[in-house]
């Protein structure tokens, strides 16, 4: 009976290690997704700045080009706002996923502790 309990405890520990590895992977995926979203946002801001500078240079060179470049900047601003909204949604999803992973981790820890407690009580 003691060997059975020790085997059950070992299985419980292995299962806990598997769950902790899965949680770590989920956390890493969430973090990577969030990091990618932040990098995308910074890249879009740099692209917008470059677009605005091009428009300013075109204004100095040609009055006709001013109207054309102004339309480009407005489109770029609309696109940036659309992308920023998309980025905010992505960030919210990543945060929710991370929060769910943390909740799952805490639940797994509680299950593990209960399992350990049961095993300890069974051994005693």
PDB file of N, CA and C in Angstrom:
ATOM      1  N   UNK A   1       0.828  -1.195   0.000  1.00  0.00           N
ATOM      2  CA  UNK A   1       0.000   0.000   0.000  1.00  0.00           C
ATOM      3  C   UNK A   1       0.874   1.262   0.000  1.00  0.00           C
ATOM      4  N   UNK A   2       1.949   1.216   0.782  1.00  0.00           N
ATOM      5  CA  UNK A   2       2.867   2.355   0.831  1.00  0.00           C
ATOM      6  C   UNK A   2       3.501   2.597  -0.536  1.00  0.00           C
ATOM      7  N   UNK A   3       3.862   1.489  -1.207  1.00  0.00           N
ATOM      8  CA  UNK A   3       4.465   1.628  -2.542  1.00  0.00           C
ATOM      9  C   UNK A   3       3.456   2.226  -3.520  1.00  0.00           C
ATOM     10  N   UNK A   4       2.201   1.807  -3.378  1.00  0.00           N
ATOM     11  CA  UNK A   4       1.159   2.379  -4.241  1.00  0.00           C
ATOM     12  C   UNK A   4       1.026   3.871  -4.005  1.00  0.00           C
ATOM     13  N   UNK A   5       1.068   4.260  -2.745  1.00  0.00           N
ATOM     14  CA  UNK A   5       0.970   5.686  -2.422  1.00  0.00           C
ATOM     15  C   UNK A   5       2.186   6.447  -2.935  1.00  0.00           C
ATOM     16  N   UNK A   6       3.365   5.846  -2.813  1.00  0.00           N
ATOM     17  CA  UNK A   6       4.567   6.504  -3.331  1.00  0.00           C
ATOM     18  C   UNK A   6       4.507   6.620  -4.853  1.00  0.00           C
ATOM     19  N   UNK A   7       3.999   5.574  -5.519  1.00  0.00           N
ATOM     20  CA  UNK A   7       3.851   5.619  -6.975  1.00  0.00           C
ATOM     21  C   UNK A   7       2.842   6.688  -7.366  1.00  0.00           C
ATOM     22  N   UNK A   8       1.749   6.776  -6.608  1.00  0.00           N
ATOM     23  CA  UNK A   8       0.733   7.799  -6.883  1.00  0.00           C
ATOM     24  C   UNK A   8       1.303   9.198  -6.676  1.00  0.00           C
ATOM     25  N   UNK A   9       2.106   9.340  -5.625  1.00  0.00           N
ATOM     26  CA  UNK A   9       2.748  10.630  -5.368  1.00  0.00           C
ATOM     27  C   UNK A   9       3.715  10.977  -6.487  1.00  0.00           C
ATOM     28  N   UNK A  10       4.477   9.986  -6.953  1.00  0.00           N
ATOM     29  CA  UNK A  10       5.411  10.226  -8.065  1.00  0.00           C
ATOM     30  C   UNK A  10       4.643  10.612  -9.330  1.00  0.00           C
ATOM     31  N   UNK A  11       3.537   9.914  -9.593  1.00  0.00           N
ATOM     32  CA  UNK A  11       2.706  10.261 -10.750  1.00  0.00           C
ATOM     33  C   UNK A  11       2.171  11.678 -10.616  1.00  0.00           C
ATOM     34  N   UNK A  12       1.741  12.022  -9.411  1.00  0.00           N
ATOM     35  CA  UNK A  12       1.221  13.369  -9.161  1.00  0.00           C
ATOM     36  C   UNK A  12       2.309  14.412  -9.398  1.00  0.00           C
ATOM     37  N   UNK A  13       3.522  14.103  -8.946  1.00  0.00           N
ATOM     38  CA  UNK A  13       4.629  15.041  -9.169  1.00  0.00           C
ATOM     39  C   UNK A  13       4.946  15.182 -10.653  1.00  0.00           C
ATOM     40  N   UNK A  14       4.941  14.052 -11.378  1.00  0.00           N
ATOM     41  CA  UNK A  14       5.200  14.099 -12.826  1.00  0.00           C
ATOM     42  C   UNK A  14       4.126  14.906 -13.542  1.00  0.00           C
ATOM     43  N   UNK A  15       2.890  14.673 -13.131  1.00  0.00           N
ATOM     44  CA  UNK A  15       1.795  15.419 -13.743  1.00  0.00           C
ATOM     45  C   UNK A  15       1.936  16.909 -13.445  1.00  0.00           C
ATOM     46  N   UNK A  16       2.337  17.239 -12.226  1.00  0.00           N
ATOM     47  CA  UNK A  16       2.549  18.636 -11.860  1.00  0.00           C
ATOM     48  C   UNK A  16       3.654  19.254 -12.707  1.00  0.00           C
ATOM     49  N   UNK A  17       4.735  18.504 -12.905  1.00  0.00           N
ATOM     50  CA  UNK A  17       5.832  19.025 -13.731  1.00  0.00           C
ATOM     51  C   UNK A  17       5.361  19.257 -15.160  1.00  0.00           C
ATOM     52  N   UNK A  18       4.560  18.327 -15.689  1.00  0.00           N
ATOM     53  CA  UNK A  18       4.012  18.497 -17.036  1.00  0.00           C
ATOM     54  C   UNK A  18       3.139  19.743 -17.111  1.00  0.00           C
ATOM     55  N   UNK A  19       2.286  19.924 -16.082  1.00  0.00           N
ATOM     56  CA  UNK A  19       1.397  21.085 -16.067  1.00  0.00           C
ATOM     57  C   UNK A  19       2.189  22.384 -15.921  1.00  0.00           C
ATOM     58  N   UNK A  20       3.234  22.357 -15.108  1.00  0.00           N
ATOM     59  CA  UNK A  20       4.060  23.556 -14.963  1.00  0.00           C
ATOM     60  C   UNK A  20       4.779  23.872 -16.265  1.00  0.00           C
ATOM     61  N   UNK A  21       5.240  22.845 -16.982  1.00  0.00           N
ATOM     62  CA  UNK A  21       5.893  23.068 -18.276  1.00  0.00           C
ATOM     63  C   UNK A  21       4.889  23.644 -19.281  1.00  0.00           C
ATOM     64  N   UNK A  22       3.671  23.106 -19.259  1.00  0.00           N
ATOM     65  CA  UNK A  22       2.627  23.613 -20.157  1.00  0.00           C
ATOM     66  C   UNK A  22       2.297  25.069 -19.834  1.00  0.00           C
ATOM     67  N   UNK A  23       2.214  25.374 -18.551  1.00  0.00           N
ATOM     68  CA  UNK A  23       1.940  26.746 -18.122  1.00  0.00           C
ATOM     69  C   UNK A  23       3.067  27.678 -18.560  1.00  0.00           C
ATOM     70  N   UNK A  24       4.304  27.224 -18.392  1.00  0.00           N
ATOM     71  CA  UNK A  24       5.444  28.053 -18.801  1.00  0.00           C
ATOM     72  C   UNK A  24       5.393  28.302 -20.310  1.00  0.00           C
ATOM     73  N   UNK A  25       5.059  27.277 -21.075  1.00  0.00           N
ATOM     74  CA  UNK A  25       4.944  27.453 -22.518  1.00  0.00           C
ATOM     75  C   UNK A  25       3.846  28.441 -22.875  1.00  0.00           C
ATOM     76  N   UNK A  26       2.714  28.330 -22.210  1.00  0.00           N
ATOM     77  CA  UNK A  26       1.596  29.244 -22.449  1.00  0.00           C
ATOM     78  C   UNK A  26       1.982  30.676 -22.089  1.00  0.00           C
ATOM     79  N   UNK A  27       2.685  30.811 -20.969  1.00  0.00           N
ATOM     80  CA  UNK A  27       3.127  32.139 -20.546  1.00  0.00           C
ATOM     81  C   UNK A  27       4.118  32.723 -21.564  1.00  0.00           C
ATOM     82  N   UNK A  28       5.029  31.880 -22.036  1.00  0.00           N
ATOM     83  CA  UNK A  28       6.013  32.345 -23.028  1.00  0.00           C
ATOM     84  C   UNK A  28       5.331  32.761 -24.325  1.00  0.00           C
ATOM     85  N   UNK A  29       4.327  31.983 -24.744  1.00  0.00           N
ATOM     86  CA  UNK A  29       3.592  32.347 -25.961  1.00  0.00           C
ATOM     87  C   UNK A  29       2.881  33.680 -25.788  1.00  0.00           C
ATOM     88  N   UNK A  30       2.250  33.870 -24.646  1.00  0.00           N
ATOM     89  CA  UNK A  30       1.556  35.135 -24.389  1.00  0.00           C
ATOM     90  C   UNK A  30       2.543  36.304 -24.383  1.00  0.00           C
ATOM     91  N   UNK A  31       3.678  36.104 -23.735  1.00  0.00           N
ATOM     92  CA  UNK A  31       4.692  37.152 -23.674  1.00  0.00           C
ATOM     93  C   UNK A  31       5.240  37.457 -25.067  1.00  0.00           C
ATOM     94  N   UNK A  32       5.483  36.419 -25.852  1.00  0.00           N
ATOM     95  CA  UNK A  32       5.999  36.619 -27.207  1.00  0.00           C
ATOM     96  C   UNK A  32       4.989  37.367 -28.061  1.00  0.00           C
ATOM     97  N   UNK A  33       3.711  37.020 -27.904  1.00  0.00           N
ATOM     98  CA  UNK A  33       2.665  37.699 -28.661  1.00  0.00           C
ATOM     99  C   UNK A  33       2.585  39.171 -28.273  1.00  0.00           C
ATOM    100  N   UNK A  34       2.650  39.435 -26.990  1.00  0.00           N
ATOM    101  CA  UNK A  34       2.622  40.822 -26.519  1.00  0.00           C
ATOM    102  C   UNK A  34       3.837  41.585 -27.028  1.00  0.00           C
ATOM    103  N   UNK A  35       5.010  40.966 -26.967  1.00  0.00           N
ATOM    104  CA  UNK A  35       6.243  41.619 -27.431  1.00  0.00           C
ATOM    105  C   UNK A  35       6.148  41.914 -28.922  1.00  0.00           C
ATOM    106  N   UNK A  36       5.630  40.958 -29.697  1.00  0.00           N
ATOM    107  CA  UNK A  36       5.478  41.172 -31.140  1.00  0.00           C
ATOM    108  C   UNK A  36       4.520  42.334 -31.404  1.00  0.00           C
ATOM    109  N   UNK A  37       3.456  42.430 -30.618  1.00  0.00           N
ATOM    110  CA  UNK A  37       2.506  43.534 -30.779  1.00  0.00           C
ATOM    111  C   UNK A  37       3.172  44.876 -30.484  1.00  0.00           C
ATOM    112  N   UNK A  38       4.012  44.914 -29.460  1.00  0.00           N
ATOM    113  CA  UNK A  38       4.712  46.157 -29.117  1.00  0.00           C
ATOM    114  C   UNK A  38       5.715  46.536 -30.211  1.00  0.00           C
ATOM    115  N   UNK A  39       6.410  45.553 -30.760  1.00  0.00           N
ATOM    116  CA  UNK A  39       7.360  45.819 -31.845  1.00  0.00           C
ATOM    117  C   UNK A  39       6.618  46.338 -33.075  1.00  0.00           C
ATOM    118  N   UNK A  40       5.472  45.706 -33.386  1.00  0.00           N
ATOM    119  CA  UNK A  40       4.664  46.161 -34.524  1.00  0.00           C
ATOM    120  C   UNK A  40       4.224  47.611 -34.334  1.00  0.00           C
ATOM    121  N   UNK A  41       3.805  47.936 -33.131  1.00  0.00           N
ATOM    122  CA  UNK A  41       3.345  49.299 -32.854  1.00  0.00           C
ATOM    123  C   UNK A  41       4.472  50.304 -33.075  1.00  0.00           C
ATOM    124  N   UNK A  42       5.666  49.996 -32.569  1.00  0.00           N
ATOM    125  CA  UNK A  42       6.790  50.907 -32.738  1.00  0.00           C
ATOM    126  C   UNK A  42       7.168  51.059 -34.206  1.00  0.00           C
ATOM    127  N   UNK A  43       7.122  49.961 -34.935  1.00  0.00           N
ATOM    128  CA  UNK A  43       7.419  50.011 -36.365  1.00  0.00           C
ATOM    129  C   UNK A  43       6.416  50.891 -37.104  1.00  0.00           C
ATOM    130  N   UNK A  44       5.152  50.781 -36.747  1.00  0.00           N
ATOM    131  CA  UNK A  44       4.116  51.594 -37.378  1.00  0.00           C
ATOM    132  C   UNK A  44       4.311  53.079 -37.062  1.00  0.00           C
ATOM    133  N   UNK A  45       4.723  53.351 -35.855  1.00  0.00           N
ATOM    134  CA  UNK A  45       4.976  54.756 -35.495  1.00  0.00           C
ATOM    135  C   UNK A  45       6.152  55.311 -36.298  1.00  0.00           C
ATOM    136  N   UNK A  46       7.174  54.510 -36.470  1.00  0.00           N
ATOM    137  CA  UNK A  46       8.321  54.967 -37.264  1.00  0.00           C
ATOM    138  C   UNK A  46       7.921  55.147 -38.731  1.00  0.00           C
ATOM    139  N   UNK A  47       7.101  54.233 -39.258  1.00  0.00           N
ATOM    140  CA  UNK A  47       6.620  54.372 -40.629  1.00  0.00           C
ATOM    141  C   UNK A  47       5.791  55.644 -40.794  1.00  0.00           C
ATOM    142  N   UNK A  48       4.955  55.930 -39.816  1.00  0.00           N
ATOM    143  CA  UNK A  48       4.136  57.143 -39.880  1.00  0.00           C
ATOM    144  C   UNK A  48       5.024  58.385 -39.867  1.00  0.00           C
ATOM    145  N   UNK A  49       6.029  58.398 -39.019  1.00  0.00           N
ATOM    146  CA  UNK A  49       6.931  59.550 -38.950  1.00  0.00           C
ATOM    147  C   UNK A  49       7.656  59.746 -40.280  1.00  0.00           C
ATOM    148  N   UNK A  50       8.096  58.645 -40.872  1.00  0.00           N
ATOM    149  CA  UNK A  50       8.766  58.734 -42.171  1.00  0.00           C
ATOM    150  C   UNK A  50       7.804  59.288 -43.225  1.00  0.00           C
ATOM    151  N   UNK A  51       6.566  58.833 -43.188  1.00  0.00           N
ATOM    152  CA  UNK A  51       5.559  59.313 -44.136  1.00  0.00           C
ATOM    153  C   UNK A  51       5.304  60.815 -43.958  1.00  0.00           C
ATOM    154  N   UNK A  52       5.262  61.263 -42.738  1.00  0.00           N
ATOM    155  CA  UNK A  52       5.033  62.696 -42.482  1.00  0.00           C
ATOM    156  C   UNK A  52       6.213  63.552 -42.954  1.00  0.00           C
ATOM    157  N   UNK A  53       7.437  63.043 -42.772  1.00  0.00           N
ATOM    158  CA  UNK A  53       8.601  63.796 -43.246  1.00  0.00           C
ATOM    159  C   UNK A  53       8.617  63.890 -44.767  1.00  0.00           C
ATOM    160  N   UNK A  54       8.262  62.779 -45.427  1.00  0.00           N
ATOM    161  CA  UNK A  54       8.189  62.808 -46.886  1.00  0.00           C
ATOM    162  C   UNK A  54       7.184  63.858 -47.353  1.00  0.00           C
ATOM    163  N   UNK A  55       6.056  63.923 -46.669  1.00  0.00           N
ATOM    164  CA  UNK A  55       5.026  64.895 -47.031  1.00  0.00           C
ATOM    165  C   UNK A  55       5.535  66.326 -46.838  1.00  0.00           C
ATOM    166  N   UNK A  56       6.278  66.579 -45.761  1.00  0.00           N
ATOM    167  CA  UNK A  56       6.798  67.923 -45.507  1.00  0.00           C
ATOM    168  C   UNK A  56       7.817  68.330 -46.573  1.00  0.00           C
ATOM    169  N   UNK A  57       8.692  67.406 -46.985  1.00  0.00           N
ATOM    170  CA  UNK A  57       9.668  67.696 -48.037  1.00  0.00           C
ATOM    171  C   UNK A  57       8.985  67.965 -49.380  1.00  0.00           C
ATOM    172  N   UNK A  58       7.926  67.226 -49.653  1.00  0.00           N
ATOM    173  CA  UNK A  58       7.195  67.424 -50.901  1.00  0.00           C
ATOM    174  C   UNK A  58       6.531  68.806 -50.941  1.00  0.00           C
ATOM    175  N   UNK A  59       6.082  69.298 -49.769  1.00  0.00           N
ATOM    176  CA  UNK A  59       5.453  70.619 -49.694  1.00  0.00           C
ATOM    177  C   UNK A  59       6.449  71.697 -50.112  1.00  0.00           C
ATOM    178  N   UNK A  60       7.701  71.557 -49.650  1.00  0.00           N
ATOM    179  CA  UNK A  60       8.729  72.537 -49.994  1.00  0.00           C
ATOM    180  C   UNK A  60       9.077  72.486 -51.481  1.00  0.00           C
ATOM    181  N   UNK A  61       9.049  71.334 -52.088  1.00  0.00           N
ATOM    182  CA  UNK A  61       9.447  71.186 -53.491  1.00  0.00           C
ATOM    183  C   UNK A  61       8.355  71.622 -54.461  1.00  0.00           C
ATOM    184  N   UNK A  62       7.118  71.202 -54.219  1.00  0.00           N
ATOM    185  CA  UNK A  62       6.043  71.494 -55.186  1.00  0.00           C
ATOM    186  C   UNK A  62       4.720  71.721 -54.475  1.00  0.00           C
ATOM    187  N   UNK A  63       4.018  72.744 -54.884  1.00  0.00           N
ATOM    188  CA  UNK A  63       2.701  73.023 -54.308  1.00  0.00           C
ATOM    189  C   UNK A  63       1.728  71.907 -54.707  1.00  0.00           C
ATOM    190  N   UNK A  64       1.863  71.442 -55.921  1.00  0.00           N
ATOM    191  CA  UNK A  64       1.005  70.348 -56.381  1.00  0.00           C
ATOM    192  C   UNK A  64       1.237  69.074 -55.568  1.00  0.00           C
ATOM    193  N   UNK A  65       2.484  68.815 -55.283  1.00  0.00           N
ATOM    194  CA  UNK A  65       2.819  67.611 -54.506  1.00  0.00           C
ATOM    195  C   UNK A  65       2.267  67.715 -53.085  1.00  0.00           C
ATOM    196  N   UNK A  66       2.068  68.955 -52.596  1.00  0.00           N
ATOM    197  CA  UNK A  66       1.539  69.144 -51.242  1.00  0.00           C
ATOM    198  C   UNK A  66       0.187  68.463 -51.088  1.00  0.00           C
ATOM    199  N   UNK A  67      -0.698  68.681 -52.035  1.00  0.00           N
ATOM    200  CA  UNK A  67      -2.036  68.084 -51.941  1.00  0.00           C
ATOM    201  C   UNK A  67      -1.951  66.561 -51.978  1.00  0.00           C
ATOM    202  N   UNK A  68      -1.112  66.079 -52.867  1.00  0.00           N
ATOM    203  CA  UNK A  68      -0.954  64.626 -52.995  1.00  0.00           C
ATOM    204  C   UNK A  68      -0.379  64.013 -51.712  1.00  0.00           C
ATOM    205  N   UNK A  69       0.653  64.605 -51.191  1.00  0.00           N
ATOM    206  CA  UNK A  69       1.282  64.091 -49.967  1.00  0.00           C
ATOM    207  C   UNK A  69       0.345  64.214 -48.765  1.00  0.00           C
ATOM    208  N   UNK A  70      -0.438  65.283 -48.714  1.00  0.00           N
ATOM    209  CA  UNK A  70      -1.378  65.456 -47.602  1.00  0.00           C
ATOM    210  C   UNK A  70      -2.380  64.304 -47.581  1.00  0.00           C
ATOM    211  N   UNK A  71      -2.850  63.907 -48.747  1.00  0.00           N
ATOM    212  CA  UNK A  71      -3.761  62.763 -48.819  1.00  0.00           C
ATOM    213  C   UNK A  71      -3.076  61.483 -48.351  1.00  0.00           C
ATOM    214  N   UNK A  72      -1.809  61.320 -48.701  1.00  0.00           N
ATOM    215  CA  UNK A  72      -1.055  60.145 -48.258  1.00  0.00           C
ATOM    216  C   UNK A  72      -0.935  60.123 -46.735  1.00  0.00           C
ATOM    217  N   UNK A  73      -0.656  61.290 -46.161  1.00  0.00           N
ATOM    218  CA  UNK A  73      -0.512  61.366 -44.705  1.00  0.00           C
ATOM    219  C   UNK A  73      -1.845  61.050 -44.030  1.00  0.00           C
ATOM    220  N   UNK A  74      -2.930  61.582 -44.565  1.00  0.00           N
ATOM    221  CA  UNK A  74      -4.238  61.304 -43.971  1.00  0.00           C
ATOM    222  C   UNK A  74      -4.570  59.812 -44.038  1.00  0.00           C
ATOM    223  N   UNK A  75      -4.259  59.200 -45.174  1.00  0.00           N
ATOM    224  CA  UNK A  75      -4.488  57.746 -45.291  1.00  0.00           C
ATOM    225  C   UNK A  75      -3.604  56.990 -44.296  1.00  0.00           C
ATOM    226  N   UNK A  76      -2.355  57.431 -44.191  1.00  0.00           N
ATOM    227  CA  UNK A  76      -1.443  56.774 -43.255  1.00  0.00           C
ATOM    228  C   UNK A  76      -1.940  56.941 -41.813  1.00  0.00           C
ATOM    229  N   UNK A  77      -2.466  58.128 -41.485  1.00  0.00           N
ATOM    230  CA  UNK A  77      -3.009  58.354 -40.136  1.00  0.00           C
ATOM    231  C   UNK A  77      -4.211  57.452 -39.869  1.00  0.00           C
ATOM    232  N   UNK A  78      -5.093  57.359 -40.877  1.00  0.00           N
ATOM    233  CA  UNK A  78      -6.257  56.474 -40.701  1.00  0.00           C
ATOM    234  C   UNK A  78      -5.795  55.026 -40.532  1.00  0.00           C
ATOM    235  N   UNK A  79      -4.836  54.637 -41.355  1.00  0.00           N
ATOM    236  CA  UNK A  79      -4.312  53.266 -41.266  1.00  0.00           C
ATOM    237  C   UNK A  79      -3.659  53.040 -39.899  1.00  0.00           C
ATOM    238  N   UNK A  80      -2.902  54.028 -39.428  1.00  0.00           N
ATOM    239  CA  UNK A  80      -2.274  53.902 -38.113  1.00  0.00           C
ATOM    240  C   UNK A  80      -3.329  53.755 -37.020  1.00  0.00           C
ATOM    241  N   UNK A  81      -4.372  54.574 -37.082  1.00  0.00           N
ATOM    242  CA  UNK A  81      -5.435  54.469 -36.077  1.00  0.00           C
ATOM    243  C   UNK A  81      -6.091  53.098 -36.127  1.00  0.00           C
ATOM    244  N   UNK A  82      -6.348  52.610 -37.353  1.00  0.00           N
ATOM    245  CA  UNK A  82      -6.914  51.265 -37.496  1.00  0.00           C
ATOM    246  C   UNK A  82      -5.976  50.222 -36.894  1.00  0.00           C
ATOM    247  N   UNK A  83      -4.685  50.356 -37.207  1.00  0.00           N
ATOM    248  CA  UNK A  83      -3.704  49.397 -36.709  1.00  0.00           C
ATOM    249  C   UNK A  83      -3.508  49.525 -35.197  1.00  0.00           C
ATOM    250  N   UNK A  84      -3.560  50.753 -34.690  1.00  0.00           N
ATOM    251  CA  UNK A  84      -3.444  50.931 -33.241  1.00  0.00           C
ATOM    252  C   UNK A  84      -4.640  50.303 -32.529  1.00  0.00           C
ATOM    253  N   UNK A  85      -5.833  50.437 -33.131  1.00  0.00           N
ATOM    254  CA  UNK A  85      -7.013  49.790 -32.542  1.00  0.00           C
ATOM    255  C   UNK A  85      -6.841  48.275 -32.575  1.00  0.00           C
ATOM    256  N   UNK A  86      -6.330  47.771 -33.688  1.00  0.00           N
ATOM    257  CA  UNK A  86      -6.075  46.336 -33.804  1.00  0.00           C
ATOM    258  C   UNK A  86      -5.021  45.901 -32.786  1.00  0.00           C
ATOM    259  N   UNK A  87      -3.980  46.721 -32.641  1.00  0.00           N
ATOM    260  CA  UNK A  87      -2.927  46.425 -31.671  1.00  0.00           C
ATOM    261  C   UNK A  87      -3.486  46.421 -30.248  1.00  0.00           C
ATOM    262  N   UNK A  88      -4.354  47.387 -29.947  1.00  0.00           N
ATOM    263  CA  UNK A  88      -4.958  47.436 -28.606  1.00  0.00           C
ATOM    264  C   UNK A  88      -5.782  46.176 -28.360  1.00  0.00           C
ATOM    265  N   UNK A  89      -6.533  45.742 -29.369  1.00  0.00           N
ATOM    266  CA  UNK A  89      -7.298  44.506 -29.237  1.00  0.00           C
ATOM    267  C   UNK A  89      -6.385  43.314 -29.024  1.00  0.00           C
ATOM    268  N   UNK A  90      -5.303  43.281 -29.790  1.00  0.00           N
ATOM    269  CA  UNK A  90      -4.335  42.184 -29.658  1.00  0.00           C
ATOM    270  C   UNK A  90      -3.697  42.207 -28.279  1.00  0.00           C
ATOM    271  N   UNK A  91      -3.365  43.390 -27.819  1.00  0.00           N
ATOM    272  CA  UNK A  91      -2.762  43.522 -26.492  1.00  0.00           C
ATOM    273  C   UNK A  91      -3.750  43.055 -25.419  1.00  0.00           C
ATOM    274  N   UNK A  92      -5.026  43.423 -25.576  1.00  0.00           N
ATOM    275  CA  UNK A  92      -6.041  42.999 -24.609  1.00  0.00           C
ATOM    276  C   UNK A  92      -6.200  41.480 -24.622  1.00  0.00           C
ATOM    277  N   UNK A  93      -6.185  40.896 -25.831  1.00  0.00           N
ATOM    278  CA  UNK A  93      -6.276  39.440 -25.927  1.00  0.00           C
ATOM    279  C   UNK A  93      -5.069  38.786 -25.266  1.00  0.00           C
ATOM    280  N   UNK A  94      -3.884  39.338 -25.517  1.00  0.00           N
ATOM    281  CA  UNK A  94      -2.680  38.778 -24.913  1.00  0.00           C
ATOM    282  C   UNK A  94      -2.742  38.894 -23.396  1.00  0.00           C
ATOM    283  N   UNK A  95      -3.211  40.020 -22.907  1.00  0.00           N
ATOM    284  CA  UNK A  95      -3.322  40.219 -21.457  1.00  0.00           C
ATOM    285  C   UNK A  95      -4.333  39.247 -20.868  1.00  0.00           C
ATOM    286  N   UNK A  96      -5.460  39.070 -21.566  1.00  0.00           N
ATOM    287  CA  UNK A  96      -6.475  38.136 -21.080  1.00  0.00           C
ATOM    288  C   UNK A  96      -5.928  36.715 -21.073  1.00  0.00           C
ATOM    289  N   UNK A  97      -5.188  36.377 -22.115  1.00  0.00           N
ATOM    290  CA  UNK A  97      -4.588  35.046 -22.194  1.00  0.00           C
ATOM    291  C   UNK A  97      -3.585  34.847 -21.071  1.00  0.00           C
ATOM    292  N   UNK A  98      -2.777  35.853 -20.834  1.00  0.00           N
ATOM    293  CA  UNK A  98      -1.807  35.777 -19.743  1.00  0.00           C
ATOM    294  C   UNK A  98      -2.524  35.645 -18.408  1.00  0.00           C
ATOM    295  N   UNK A  99      -3.569  36.419 -18.216  1.00  0.00           N
ATOM    296  CA  UNK A  99      -4.328  36.359 -16.963  1.00  0.00           C
ATOM    297  C   UNK A  99      -4.941  34.975 -16.792  1.00  0.00           C
ATOM    298  N   UNK A 100      -5.484  34.423 -17.884  1.00  0.00           N
ATOM    299  CA  UNK A 100      -6.063  33.083 -17.809  1.00  0.00           C
ATOM    300  C   UNK A 100      -4.984  32.059 -17.475  1.00  0.00           C
ATOM    301  N   UNK A 101      -3.812  32.234 -18.040  1.00  0.00           N
ATOM    302  CA  UNK A 101      -2.704  31.322 -17.741  1.00  0.00           C
ATOM    303  C   UNK A 101      -2.325  31.405 -16.273  1.00  0.00           C
ATOM    304  N   UNK A 102      -2.305  32.606 -15.732  1.00  0.00           N
ATOM    305  CA  UNK A 102      -1.978  32.778 -14.316  1.00  0.00           C
ATOM    306  C   UNK A 102      -3.046  32.146 -13.433  1.00  0.00           C
ATOM    307  N   UNK A 103      -4.304  32.309 -13.814  1.00  0.00           N
ATOM    308  CA  UNK A 103      -5.398  31.706 -13.058  1.00  0.00           C
ATOM    309  C   UNK A 103      -5.270  30.182 -13.129  1.00  0.00           C
ATOM    310  N   UNK A 104      -4.992  29.664 -14.345  1.00  0.00           N
ATOM    311  CA  UNK A 104      -4.798  28.221 -14.500  1.00  0.00           C
ATOM    312  C   UNK A 104      -3.649  27.741 -13.629  1.00  0.00           C
ATOM    313  N   UNK A 105      -2.557  28.495 -13.631  1.00  0.00           N
ATOM    314  CA  UNK A 105      -1.395  28.116 -12.830  1.00  0.00           C
ATOM    315  C   UNK A 105      -1.768  28.053 -11.358  1.00  0.00           C
ATOM    316  N   UNK A 106      -2.488  29.072 -10.899  1.00  0.00           N
ATOM    317  CA  UNK A 106      -2.871  29.096  -9.490  1.00  0.00           C
ATOM    318  C   UNK A 106      -3.789  27.921  -9.165  1.00  0.00           C
ATOM    319  N   UNK A 107      -4.691  27.609 -10.074  1.00  0.00           N
ATOM    320  CA  UNK A 107      -5.567  26.459  -9.867  1.00  0.00           C
ATOM    321  C   UNK A 107      -4.778  25.163  -9.825  1.00  0.00           C
ATOM    322  N   UNK A 108      -3.812  25.045 -10.711  1.00  0.00           N
ATOM    323  CA  UNK A 108      -2.976  23.848 -10.733  1.00  0.00           C
ATOM    324  C   UNK A 108      -2.158  23.738  -9.448  1.00  0.00           C
ATOM    325  N   UNK A 109      -1.678  24.858  -8.983  1.00  0.00           N
ATOM    326  CA  UNK A 109      -0.916  24.837  -7.726  1.00  0.00           C
ATOM    327  C   UNK A 109      -1.796  24.380  -6.571  1.00  0.00           C
ATOM    328  N   UNK A 110      -3.042  24.880  -6.567  1.00  0.00           N
ATOM    329  CA  UNK A 110      -3.952  24.482  -5.499  1.00  0.00           C
ATOM    330  C   UNK A 110      -4.266  22.992  -5.602  1.00  0.00           C
ATOM    331  N   UNK A 111      -4.462  22.503  -6.837  1.00  0.00           N
ATOM    332  CA  UNK A 111      -4.713  21.076  -7.026  1.00  0.00           C
ATOM    333  C   UNK A 111      -3.505  20.262  -6.563  1.00  0.00           C
ATOM    334  N   UNK A 112      -2.330  20.732  -6.914  1.00  0.00           N
ATOM    335  CA  UNK A 112      -1.115  20.035  -6.516  1.00  0.00           C
ATOM    336  C   UNK A 112      -0.998  20.001  -4.997  1.00  0.00           C
ATOM    337  N   UNK A 113      -1.253  21.118  -4.367  1.00  0.00           N
ATOM    338  CA  UNK A 113      -1.154  21.178  -2.910  1.00  0.00           C
ATOM    339  C   UNK A 113      -2.170  20.237  -2.273  1.00  0.00           C
ATOM    340  N   UNK A 114      -3.369  20.202  -2.817  1.00  0.00           N
ATOM    341  CA  UNK A 114      -4.395  19.296  -2.293  1.00  0.00           C
ATOM    342  C   UNK A 114      -3.965  17.848  -2.496  1.00  0.00           C
ATOM    343  N   UNK A 115      -3.403  17.566  -3.643  1.00  0.00           N
ATOM    344  CA  UNK A 115      -2.930  16.208  -3.934  1.00  0.00           C
ATOM    345  C   UNK A 115      -1.803  15.828  -2.992  1.00  0.00           C
ATOM    346  N   UNK A 116      -0.903  16.745  -2.766  1.00  0.00           N
ATOM    347  CA  UNK A 116       0.197  16.493  -1.835  1.00  0.00           C
ATOM    348  C   UNK A 116      -0.325  16.266  -0.415  1.00  0.00           C
ATOM    349  N   UNK A 117      -1.306  17.075  -0.047  1.00  0.00           N
ATOM    350  CA  UNK A 117      -1.895  16.964   1.287  1.00  0.00           C
ATOM    351  C   UNK A 117      -2.566  15.614   1.443  1.00  0.00           C
ATOM    352  N   UNK A 118      -3.305  15.201   0.399  1.00  0.00           N
ATOM    353  CA  UNK A 118      -3.966  13.894   0.453  1.00  0.00           C
ATOM    354  C   UNK A 118      -2.938  12.781   0.544  1.00  0.00           C
ATOM    355  N   UNK A 119      -1.875  12.909  -0.254  1.00  0.00           N
ATOM    356  CA  UNK A 119      -0.832  11.883  -0.223  1.00  0.00           C
ATOM    357  C   UNK A 119      -0.150  11.844   1.141  1.00  0.00           C
ATOM    358  N   UNK A 120       0.090  13.017   1.690  1.00  0.00           N
ATOM    359  CA  UNK A 120       0.743  13.089   3.002  1.00  0.00           C
ATOM    360  C   UNK A 120      -0.170  12.490   4.070  1.00  0.00           C
ATOM    361  N   UNK A 121      -1.445  12.778   4.012  1.00  0.00           N
ATOM    362  CA  UNK A 121      -2.396  12.227   4.970  1.00  0.00           C
ATOM    363  C   UNK A 121      -2.505  10.721   4.799  1.00  0.00           C
ATOM    364  N   UNK A 122      -2.458  10.283   3.534  1.00  0.00           N
ATOM    365  CA  UNK A 122      -2.547   8.849   3.271  1.00  0.00           C
ATOM    366  C   UNK A 122      -1.323   8.134   3.801  1.00  0.00           C
ATOM    367  N   UNK A 123      -0.166   8.777   3.692  1.00  0.00           N
ATOM    368  CA  UNK A 123       1.070   8.178   4.191  1.00  0.00           C
ATOM    369  C   UNK A 123       1.050   8.107   5.713  1.00  0.00           C
ATOM    370  N   UNK A 124       0.516   9.160   6.336  1.00  0.00           N
ATOM    371  CA  UNK A 124       0.456   9.192   7.797  1.00  0.00           C
ATOM    372  C   UNK A 124      -0.605   8.226   8.275  1.00  0.00           C
TER     373      UNK A 124
END
